[in-house]
Amino acid sequence: MAKSYWLINSNRTEVKRFTKNDKSIDGVFEYMFLDTGKIVGVLGKEPPVITTTVSIDIDLAREIYERLLSQGWRKTEEFS
Protein backbone atom coordinates (compact mmCIF):
# COMPACT_ATOMS: atom_id res chain seq x y z
CA MET A 1 0.00 0.00 0.00
CA ALA A 2 1.17 3.50 -0.78
CA LYS A 3 2.38 5.75 2.00
CA SER A 4 -0.35 7.89 3.46
CA TYR A 5 -0.23 11.37 4.95
CA TRP A 6 -2.56 12.22 7.81
CA LEU A 7 -3.87 15.54 9.11
CA ILE A 8 -5.99 16.12 12.20
CA ASN A 9 -8.13 19.18 12.95
CA SER A 10 -7.48 21.43 15.94
CA ASN A 11 -10.49 20.02 17.82
CA ARG A 12 -9.06 16.50 17.35
CA THR A 13 -12.44 15.27 16.07
CA GLU A 14 -11.71 14.77 12.38
CA VAL A 15 -8.88 13.42 10.24
CA LYS A 16 -7.93 13.55 6.57
CA ARG A 17 -5.80 10.86 4.91
CA PHE A 18 -4.05 11.48 1.61
CA THR A 19 -2.91 8.33 -0.22
CA LYS A 20 -1.45 8.16 -3.72
CA ASN A 21 -3.44 5.91 -6.04
CA ASP A 22 -1.02 3.04 -6.83
CA LYS A 23 -2.85 2.44 -10.10
CA SER A 24 -1.92 5.94 -11.37
CA ILE A 25 0.43 6.06 -14.33
CA ASP A 26 3.29 8.34 -13.29
CA GLY A 27 3.37 11.54 -15.29
CA VAL A 28 0.10 10.81 -17.09
CA PHE A 29 -2.79 10.51 -14.65
CA GLU A 30 -1.75 10.97 -11.06
CA TYR A 31 -4.51 10.82 -8.50
CA MET A 32 -4.76 10.63 -4.75
CA PHE A 33 -7.43 9.26 -2.51
CA LEU A 34 -8.63 11.74 0.09
CA ASP A 35 -10.36 10.05 3.02
CA THR A 36 -12.23 11.94 5.71
CA GLY A 37 -12.79 10.30 9.07
CA LYS A 38 -14.27 10.96 12.49
CA ILE A 39 -12.42 10.26 15.72
CA VAL A 40 -14.41 7.86 17.90
CA GLY A 41 -13.55 6.85 21.42
CA VAL A 42 -10.09 7.64 22.77
CA LEU A 43 -7.70 9.12 20.20
CA GLY A 44 -5.09 6.53 19.27
CA LYS A 45 -6.91 3.60 20.89
CA GLU A 46 -9.35 3.07 18.03
CA PRO A 47 -8.92 3.92 14.36
CA PRO A 48 -11.05 6.75 12.98
CA VAL A 49 -14.26 5.88 11.17
CA ILE A 50 -13.78 6.81 7.51
CA THR A 51 -16.90 8.62 6.33
CA THR A 52 -15.97 9.65 2.77
CA THR A 53 -13.38 8.83 0.14
CA VAL A 54 -12.81 10.79 -3.05
CA SER A 55 -10.26 10.48 -5.84
CA ILE A 56 -8.70 13.80 -6.81
CA ASP A 57 -5.93 15.09 -9.05
CA ILE A 58 -2.56 15.11 -7.28
CA ASP A 59 -2.12 18.88 -7.73
CA LEU A 60 -5.52 19.55 -6.15
CA ALA A 61 -4.59 17.20 -3.29
CA ARG A 62 -1.46 19.27 -2.63
CA GLU A 63 -3.52 22.48 -2.61
CA ILE A 64 -6.05 21.02 -0.16
CA TYR A 65 -3.27 19.68 2.08
CA GLU A 66 -1.55 23.08 2.23
CA ARG A 67 -4.86 24.91 2.78
CA LEU A 68 -5.77 22.63 5.68
CA LEU A 69 -2.35 23.20 7.29
CA SER A 70 -2.88 26.98 6.98
CA GLN A 71 -6.28 26.58 8.68
CA GLY A 72 -4.77 24.97 11.77
CA TRP A 73 -4.83 21.29 10.86
CA ARG A 74 -1.71 19.41 12.01
CA LYS A 75 0.29 16.49 10.68
CA THR A 76 -0.23 13.36 12.72
CA GLU A 77 0.97 9.79 12.79
CA GLU A 78 -0.79 7.08 10.81
CA PHE A 79 -3.76 5.45 12.53
CA SER A 80 -4.13 1.68 12.32
PDB file of N, CA and C in Angstrom:
ATOM      1  N   MET A   1       0.836  -1.179   0.000  1.00  0.00           N
ATOM      2  CA  MET A   1       0.000   0.000   0.000  1.00  0.00           C
ATOM      3  C   MET A   1       0.880   1.241   0.000  1.00  0.00           C
ATOM      4  N   ALA A   2       0.420   2.261  -0.692  1.00  0.00           N
ATOM      5  CA  ALA A   2       1.169   3.505  -0.784  1.00  0.00           C
ATOM      6  C   ALA A   2       1.217   4.201   0.575  1.00  0.00           C
ATOM      7  N   LYS A   3       2.258   4.983   0.761  1.00  0.00           N
ATOM      8  CA  LYS A   3       2.385   5.753   1.999  1.00  0.00           C
ATOM      9  C   LYS A   3       1.238   6.744   2.078  1.00  0.00           C
ATOM     10  N   SER A   4       0.738   6.946   3.281  1.00  0.00           N
ATOM     11  CA  SER A   4      -0.353   7.893   3.463  1.00  0.00           C
ATOM     12  C   SER A   4       0.105   9.030   4.368  1.00  0.00           C
ATOM     13  N   TYR A   5      -0.538  10.165   4.186  1.00  0.00           N
ATOM     14  CA  TYR A   5      -0.228  11.366   4.948  1.00  0.00           C
ATOM     15  C   TYR A   5      -1.503  11.786   5.668  1.00  0.00           C
ATOM     16  N   TRP A   6      -1.397  11.952   6.974  1.00  0.00           N
ATOM     17  CA  TRP A   6      -2.560  12.223   7.813  1.00  0.00           C
ATOM     18  C   TRP A   6      -2.518  13.635   8.373  1.00  0.00           C
ATOM     19  N   LEU A   7      -3.690  14.264   8.426  1.00  0.00           N
ATOM     20  CA  LEU A   7      -3.873  15.545   9.107  1.00  0.00           C
ATOM     21  C   LEU A   7      -5.015  15.393  10.100  1.00  0.00           C
ATOM     22  N   ILE A   8      -4.930  16.140  11.197  1.00  0.00           N
ATOM     23  CA  ILE A   8      -5.995  16.124  12.200  1.00  0.00           C
ATOM     24  C   ILE A   8      -6.383  17.568  12.500  1.00  0.00           C
ATOM     25  N   ASN A   9      -7.685  17.813  12.690  1.00  0.00           N
ATOM     26  CA  ASN A   9      -8.127  19.182  12.946  1.00  0.00           C
ATOM     27  C   ASN A   9      -7.793  19.601  14.376  1.00  0.00           C
ATOM     28  N   SER A  10      -7.893  20.909  14.633  1.00  0.00           N
ATOM     29  CA  SER A  10      -7.483  21.431  15.938  1.00  0.00           C
ATOM     30  C   SER A  10      -8.363  20.935  17.080  1.00  0.00           C
ATOM     31  N   ASN A  11      -9.595  20.559  16.780  1.00  0.00           N
ATOM     32  CA  ASN A  11     -10.490  20.016  17.816  1.00  0.00           C
ATOM     33  C   ASN A  11     -10.237  18.535  18.084  1.00  0.00           C
ATOM     34  N   ARG A  12      -9.398  17.925  17.242  1.00  0.00           N
ATOM     35  CA  ARG A  12      -9.065  16.498  17.353  1.00  0.00           C
ATOM     36  C   ARG A  12     -10.312  15.619  17.213  1.00  0.00           C
ATOM     37  N   THR A  13     -11.210  16.025  16.296  1.00  0.00           N
ATOM     38  CA  THR A  13     -12.436  15.271  16.069  1.00  0.00           C
ATOM     39  C   THR A  13     -12.509  14.690  14.669  1.00  0.00           C
ATOM     40  N   GLU A  14     -11.641  15.191  13.771  1.00  0.00           N
ATOM     41  CA  GLU A  14     -11.709  14.769  12.375  1.00  0.00           C
ATOM     42  C   GLU A  14     -10.309  14.608  11.812  1.00  0.00           C
ATOM     43  N   VAL A  15     -10.159  13.644  10.904  1.00  0.00           N
ATOM     44  CA  VAL A  15      -8.880  13.425  10.242  1.00  0.00           C
ATOM     45  C   VAL A  15      -9.079  13.401   8.730  1.00  0.00           C
ATOM     46  N   LYS A  16      -7.979  13.689   8.029  1.00  0.00           N
ATOM     47  CA  LYS A  16      -7.932  13.552   6.573  1.00  0.00           C
ATOM     48  C   LYS A  16      -6.725  12.676   6.261  1.00  0.00           C
ATOM     49  N   ARG A  17      -6.910  11.728   5.330  1.00  0.00           N
ATOM     50  CA  ARG A  17      -5.802  10.862   4.910  1.00  0.00           C
ATOM     51  C   ARG A  17      -5.619  11.036   3.406  1.00  0.00           C
ATOM     52  N   PHE A  18      -4.403  11.326   3.008  1.00  0.00           N
ATOM     53  CA  PHE A  18      -4.048  11.477   1.612  1.00  0.00           C
ATOM     54  C   PHE A  18      -3.184  10.277   1.220  1.00  0.00           C
ATOM     55  N   THR A  19      -3.624   9.523   0.225  1.00  0.00           N
ATOM     56  CA  THR A  19      -2.907   8.325  -0.221  1.00  0.00           C
ATOM     57  C   THR A  19      -2.819   8.341  -1.737  1.00  0.00           C
ATOM     58  N   LYS A  20      -1.595   8.186  -2.272  1.00  0.00           N
ATOM     59  CA  LYS A  20      -1.452   8.158  -3.720  1.00  0.00           C
ATOM     60  C   LYS A  20      -2.093   6.886  -4.274  1.00  0.00           C
ATOM     61  N   ASN A  21      -2.818   7.041  -5.359  1.00  0.00           N
ATOM     62  CA  ASN A  21      -3.439   5.907  -6.039  1.00  0.00           C
ATOM     63  C   ASN A  21      -2.337   5.108  -6.731  1.00  0.00           C
ATOM     64  N   ASP A  22      -2.079   3.890  -6.255  1.00  0.00           N
ATOM     65  CA  ASP A  22      -1.022   3.041  -6.828  1.00  0.00           C
ATOM     66  C   ASP A  22      -1.273   2.698  -8.290  1.00  0.00           C
ATOM     67  N   LYS A  23      -2.505   2.799  -8.723  1.00  0.00           N
ATOM     68  CA  LYS A  23      -2.847   2.440 -10.096  1.00  0.00           C
ATOM     69  C   LYS A  23      -2.629   3.611 -11.063  1.00  0.00           C
ATOM     70  N   SER A  24      -2.218   4.788 -10.518  1.00  0.00           N
ATOM     71  CA  SER A  24      -1.923   5.937 -11.366  1.00  0.00           C
ATOM     72  C   SER A  24      -0.715   5.624 -12.242  1.00  0.00           C
ATOM     73  N   ILE A  25      -0.718   6.177 -13.441  1.00  0.00           N
ATOM     74  CA  ILE A  25       0.433   6.055 -14.333  1.00  0.00           C
ATOM     75  C   ILE A  25       1.247   7.324 -14.148  1.00  0.00           C
ATOM     76  N   ASP A  26       2.469   7.178 -13.604  1.00  0.00           N
ATOM     77  CA  ASP A  26       3.289   8.342 -13.294  1.00  0.00           C
ATOM     78  C   ASP A  26       3.423   9.263 -14.494  1.00  0.00           C
ATOM     79  N   GLY A  27       3.212  10.548 -14.255  1.00  0.00           N
ATOM     80  CA  GLY A  27       3.372  11.542 -15.290  1.00  0.00           C
ATOM     81  C   GLY A  27       2.190  11.669 -16.240  1.00  0.00           C
ATOM     82  N   VAL A  28       1.247  10.757 -16.185  1.00  0.00           N
ATOM     83  CA  VAL A  28       0.102  10.813 -17.089  1.00  0.00           C
ATOM     84  C   VAL A  28      -1.142  11.185 -16.296  1.00  0.00           C
ATOM     85  N   PHE A  29      -1.624  10.262 -15.499  1.00  0.00           N
ATOM     86  CA  PHE A  29      -2.786  10.513 -14.654  1.00  0.00           C
ATOM     87  C   PHE A  29      -2.391  10.181 -13.227  1.00  0.00           C
ATOM     88  N   GLU A  30      -2.108  11.205 -12.453  1.00  0.00           N
ATOM     89  CA  GLU A  30      -1.745  10.970 -11.064  1.00  0.00           C
ATOM     90  C   GLU A  30      -2.882  11.447 -10.174  1.00  0.00           C
ATOM     91  N   TYR A  31      -3.393  10.524  -9.383  1.00  0.00           N
ATOM     92  CA  TYR A  31      -4.506  10.824  -8.500  1.00  0.00           C
ATOM     93  C   TYR A  31      -4.177  10.398  -7.081  1.00  0.00           C
ATOM     94  N   MET A  32      -4.872  11.014  -6.154  1.00  0.00           N
ATOM     95  CA  MET A  32      -4.758  10.629  -4.752  1.00  0.00           C
ATOM     96  C   MET A  32      -6.148  10.354  -4.222  1.00  0.00           C
ATOM     97  N   PHE A  33      -6.187   9.477  -3.243  1.00  0.00           N
ATOM     98  CA  PHE A  33      -7.426   9.262  -2.513  1.00  0.00           C
ATOM     99  C   PHE A  33      -7.392  10.193  -1.304  1.00  0.00           C
ATOM    100  N   LEU A  34      -8.488  10.880  -1.076  1.00  0.00           N
ATOM    101  CA  LEU A  34      -8.625  11.735   0.093  1.00  0.00           C
ATOM    102  C   LEU A  34      -9.761  11.172   0.935  1.00  0.00           C
ATOM    103  N   ASP A  35      -9.387  10.626   2.091  1.00  0.00           N
ATOM    104  CA  ASP A  35     -10.365  10.052   3.020  1.00  0.00           C
ATOM    105  C   ASP A  35     -10.615  11.054   4.139  1.00  0.00           C
ATOM    106  N   THR A  36     -11.862  11.136   4.562  1.00  0.00           N
ATOM    107  CA  THR A  36     -12.234  11.943   5.713  1.00  0.00           C
ATOM    108  C   THR A  36     -12.786  10.995   6.765  1.00  0.00           C
ATOM    109  N   GLY A  37     -12.347  11.185   8.006  1.00  0.00           N
ATOM    110  CA  GLY A  37     -12.792  10.299   9.073  1.00  0.00           C
ATOM    111  C   GLY A  37     -13.083  11.048  10.354  1.00  0.00           C
ATOM    112  N   LYS A  38     -13.905  10.421  11.178  1.00  0.00           N
ATOM    113  CA  LYS A  38     -14.268  10.961  12.490  1.00  0.00           C
ATOM    114  C   LYS A  38     -13.534  10.174  13.572  1.00  0.00           C
ATOM    115  N   ILE A  39     -13.053  10.904  14.570  1.00  0.00           N
ATOM    116  CA  ILE A  39     -12.420  10.261  15.723  1.00  0.00           C
ATOM    117  C   ILE A  39     -13.526   9.734  16.625  1.00  0.00           C
ATOM    118  N   VAL A  40     -13.440   8.467  16.975  1.00  0.00           N
ATOM    119  CA  VAL A  40     -14.407   7.862  17.901  1.00  0.00           C
ATOM    120  C   VAL A  40     -13.642   7.304  19.089  1.00  0.00           C
ATOM    121  N   GLY A  41     -14.215   7.388  20.236  1.00  0.00           N
ATOM    122  CA  GLY A  41     -13.548   6.847  21.421  1.00  0.00           C
ATOM    123  C   GLY A  41     -12.309   7.657  21.770  1.00  0.00           C
ATOM    124  N   VAL A  42     -11.325   6.997  22.339  1.00  0.00           N
ATOM    125  CA  VAL A  42     -10.091   7.638  22.770  1.00  0.00           C
ATOM    126  C   VAL A  42      -9.126   7.708  21.592  1.00  0.00           C
ATOM    127  N   LEU A  43      -8.629   8.910  21.305  1.00  0.00           N
ATOM    128  CA  LEU A  43      -7.701   9.118  20.203  1.00  0.00           C
ATOM    129  C   LEU A  43      -6.495   8.188  20.329  1.00  0.00           C
ATOM    130  N   GLY A  44      -6.217   7.438  19.279  1.00  0.00           N
ATOM    131  CA  GLY A  44      -5.087   6.529  19.267  1.00  0.00           C
ATOM    132  C   GLY A  44      -5.417   5.120  19.711  1.00  0.00           C
ATOM    133  N   LYS A  45      -6.515   4.944  20.432  1.00  0.00           N
ATOM    134  CA  LYS A  45      -6.906   3.604  20.895  1.00  0.00           C
ATOM    135  C   LYS A  45      -7.731   2.881  19.836  1.00  0.00           C
ATOM    136  N   GLU A  46      -8.514   3.650  19.088  1.00  0.00           N
ATOM    137  CA  GLU A  46      -9.347   3.074  18.031  1.00  0.00           C
ATOM    138  C   GLU A  46      -9.107   3.863  16.748  1.00  0.00           C
ATOM    139  N   PRO A  47      -9.105   3.191  15.611  1.00  0.00           N
ATOM    140  CA  PRO A  47      -8.915   3.921  14.358  1.00  0.00           C
ATOM    141  C   PRO A  47     -10.126   4.807  14.065  1.00  0.00           C
ATOM    142  N   PRO A  48      -9.900   5.896  13.326  1.00  0.00           N
ATOM    143  CA  PRO A  48     -11.046   6.748  12.982  1.00  0.00           C
ATOM    144  C   PRO A  48     -12.011   6.019  12.055  1.00  0.00           C
ATOM    145  N   VAL A  49     -13.259   6.437  12.070  1.00  0.00           N
ATOM    146  CA  VAL A  49     -14.265   5.882  11.173  1.00  0.00           C
ATOM    147  C   VAL A  49     -14.238   6.721   9.899  1.00  0.00           C
ATOM    148  N   ILE A  50     -13.853   6.103   8.782  1.00  0.00           N
ATOM    149  CA  ILE A  50     -13.778   6.812   7.507  1.00  0.00           C
ATOM    150  C   ILE A  50     -15.203   7.024   7.003  1.00  0.00           C
ATOM    151  N   THR A  51     -15.544   8.289   6.751  1.00  0.00           N
ATOM    152  CA  THR A  51     -16.902   8.621   6.334  1.00  0.00           C
ATOM    153  C   THR A  51     -17.010   8.880   4.835  1.00  0.00           C
ATOM    154  N   THR A  52     -15.952   9.411   4.221  1.00  0.00           N
ATOM    155  CA  THR A  52     -15.973   9.646   2.775  1.00  0.00           C
ATOM    156  C   THR A  52     -14.602   9.394   2.175  1.00  0.00           C
ATOM    157  N   THR A  53     -14.604   8.989   0.915  1.00  0.00           N
ATOM    158  CA  THR A  53     -13.375   8.833   0.143  1.00  0.00           C
ATOM    159  C   THR A  53     -13.630   9.391  -1.245  1.00  0.00           C
ATOM    160  N   VAL A  54     -12.718  10.257  -1.694  1.00  0.00           N
ATOM    161  CA  VAL A  54     -12.813  10.790  -3.048  1.00  0.00           C
ATOM    162  C   VAL A  54     -11.460  10.631  -3.721  1.00  0.00           C
ATOM    163  N   SER A  55     -11.484  10.552  -5.042  1.00  0.00           N
ATOM    164  CA  SER A  55     -10.262  10.483  -5.839  1.00  0.00           C
ATOM    165  C   SER A  55     -10.081  11.839  -6.506  1.00  0.00           C
ATOM    166  N   ILE A  56      -8.936  12.471  -6.266  1.00  0.00           N
ATOM    167  CA  ILE A  56      -8.697  13.799  -6.811  1.00  0.00           C
ATOM    168  C   ILE A  56      -7.328  13.875  -7.476  1.00  0.00           C
ATOM    169  N   ASP A  57      -7.190  14.839  -8.368  1.00  0.00           N
ATOM    170  CA  ASP A  57      -5.929  15.093  -9.048  1.00  0.00           C
ATOM    171  C   ASP A  57      -4.848  15.411  -8.012  1.00  0.00           C
ATOM    172  N   ILE A  58      -3.635  14.962  -8.260  1.00  0.00           N
ATOM    173  CA  ILE A  58      -2.563  15.106  -7.275  1.00  0.00           C
ATOM    174  C   ILE A  58      -2.255  16.573  -6.976  1.00  0.00           C
ATOM    175  N   ASP A  59      -2.371  17.448  -7.981  1.00  0.00           N
ATOM    176  CA  ASP A  59      -2.125  18.875  -7.727  1.00  0.00           C
ATOM    177  C   ASP A  59      -3.191  19.471  -6.823  1.00  0.00           C
ATOM    178  N   LEU A  60      -4.440  19.078  -7.023  1.00  0.00           N
ATOM    179  CA  LEU A  60      -5.521  19.545  -6.154  1.00  0.00           C
ATOM    180  C   LEU A  60      -5.316  19.018  -4.738  1.00  0.00           C
ATOM    181  N   ALA A  61      -4.859  17.783  -4.610  1.00  0.00           N
ATOM    182  CA  ALA A  61      -4.592  17.201  -3.290  1.00  0.00           C
ATOM    183  C   ALA A  61      -3.539  18.024  -2.551  1.00  0.00           C
ATOM    184  N   ARG A  62      -2.506  18.444  -3.265  1.00  0.00           N
ATOM    185  CA  ARG A  62      -1.459  19.267  -2.633  1.00  0.00           C
ATOM    186  C   ARG A  62      -2.038  20.597  -2.157  1.00  0.00           C
ATOM    187  N   GLU A  63      -2.890  21.203  -2.978  1.00  0.00           N
ATOM    188  CA  GLU A  63      -3.518  22.478  -2.606  1.00  0.00           C
ATOM    189  C   GLU A  63      -4.381  22.315  -1.360  1.00  0.00           C
ATOM    190  N   ILE A  64      -5.174  21.266  -1.321  1.00  0.00           N
ATOM    191  CA  ILE A  64      -6.051  21.017  -0.164  1.00  0.00           C
ATOM    192  C   ILE A  64      -5.212  20.777   1.085  1.00  0.00           C
ATOM    193  N   TYR A  65      -4.149  19.986   0.954  1.00  0.00           N
ATOM    194  CA  TYR A  65      -3.265  19.676   2.081  1.00  0.00           C
ATOM    195  C   TYR A  65      -2.682  20.974   2.655  1.00  0.00           C
ATOM    196  N   GLU A  66      -2.148  21.830   1.787  1.00  0.00           N
ATOM    197  CA  GLU A  66      -1.547  23.082   2.232  1.00  0.00           C
ATOM    198  C   GLU A  66      -2.596  24.011   2.841  1.00  0.00           C
ATOM    199  N   ARG A  67      -3.788  24.061   2.256  1.00  0.00           N
ATOM    200  CA  ARG A  67      -4.860  24.909   2.776  1.00  0.00           C
ATOM    201  C   ARG A  67      -5.270  24.459   4.174  1.00  0.00           C
ATOM    202  N   LEU A  68      -5.396  23.143   4.361  1.00  0.00           N
ATOM    203  CA  LEU A  68      -5.766  22.629   5.676  1.00  0.00           C
ATOM    204  C   LEU A  68      -4.706  22.974   6.726  1.00  0.00           C
ATOM    205  N   LEU A  69      -3.431  22.839   6.359  1.00  0.00           N
ATOM    206  CA  LEU A  69      -2.353  23.203   7.286  1.00  0.00           C
ATOM    207  C   LEU A  69      -2.460  24.681   7.666  1.00  0.00           C
ATOM    208  N   SER A  70      -2.769  25.539   6.696  1.00  0.00           N
ATOM    209  CA  SER A  70      -2.876  26.978   6.978  1.00  0.00           C
ATOM    210  C   SER A  70      -4.094  27.294   7.838  1.00  0.00           C
ATOM    211  N   GLN A  71      -5.076  26.380   7.884  1.00  0.00           N
ATOM    212  CA  GLN A  71      -6.277  26.577   8.685  1.00  0.00           C
ATOM    213  C   GLN A  71      -6.165  25.956  10.080  1.00  0.00           C
ATOM    214  N   GLY A  72      -4.972  25.484  10.424  1.00  0.00           N
ATOM    215  CA  GLY A  72      -4.766  24.969  11.774  1.00  0.00           C
ATOM    216  C   GLY A  72      -4.743  23.454  11.899  1.00  0.00           C
ATOM    217  N   TRP A  73      -4.949  22.740  10.803  1.00  0.00           N
ATOM    218  CA  TRP A  73      -4.826  21.287  10.856  1.00  0.00           C
ATOM    219  C   TRP A  73      -3.348  20.962  11.081  1.00  0.00           C
ATOM    220  N   ARG A  74      -3.088  19.821  11.718  1.00  0.00           N
ATOM    221  CA  ARG A  74      -1.706  19.413  12.011  1.00  0.00           C
ATOM    222  C   ARG A  74      -1.415  18.031  11.454  1.00  0.00           C
ATOM    223  N   LYS A  75      -0.143  17.833  11.126  1.00  0.00           N
ATOM    224  CA  LYS A  75       0.292  16.493  10.681  1.00  0.00           C
ATOM    225  C   LYS A  75       0.208  15.575  11.886  1.00  0.00           C
ATOM    226  N   THR A  76      -0.141  14.329  11.634  1.00  0.00           N
ATOM    227  CA  THR A  76      -0.231  13.358  12.722  1.00  0.00           C
ATOM    228  C   THR A  76       0.255  12.011  12.213  1.00  0.00           C
ATOM    229  N   GLU A  77       0.519  11.122  13.138  1.00  0.00           N
ATOM    230  CA  GLU A  77       0.965   9.785  12.791  1.00  0.00           C
ATOM    231  C   GLU A  77      -0.173   8.984  12.175  1.00  0.00           C
ATOM    232  N   GLU A  78       0.205   7.960  11.445  1.00  0.00           N
ATOM    233  CA  GLU A  78      -0.791   7.081  10.808  1.00  0.00           C
ATOM    234  C   GLU A  78      -1.582   6.336  11.875  1.00  0.00           C
ATOM    235  N   PHE A  79      -2.880   6.228  11.648  1.00  0.00           N
ATOM    236  CA  PHE A  79      -3.757   5.453  12.531  1.00  0.00           C
ATOM    237  C   PHE A  79      -3.860   4.039  11.955  1.00  0.00           C
ATOM    238  N   SER A  80      -3.984   3.057  12.821  1.00  0.00           N
ATOM    239  CA  SER A  80      -4.128   1.678  12.324  1.00  0.00           C
ATOM    240  C   SER A  80      -5.524   1.176  12.535  1.00  0.00           C
TER     241      SER A  80
END
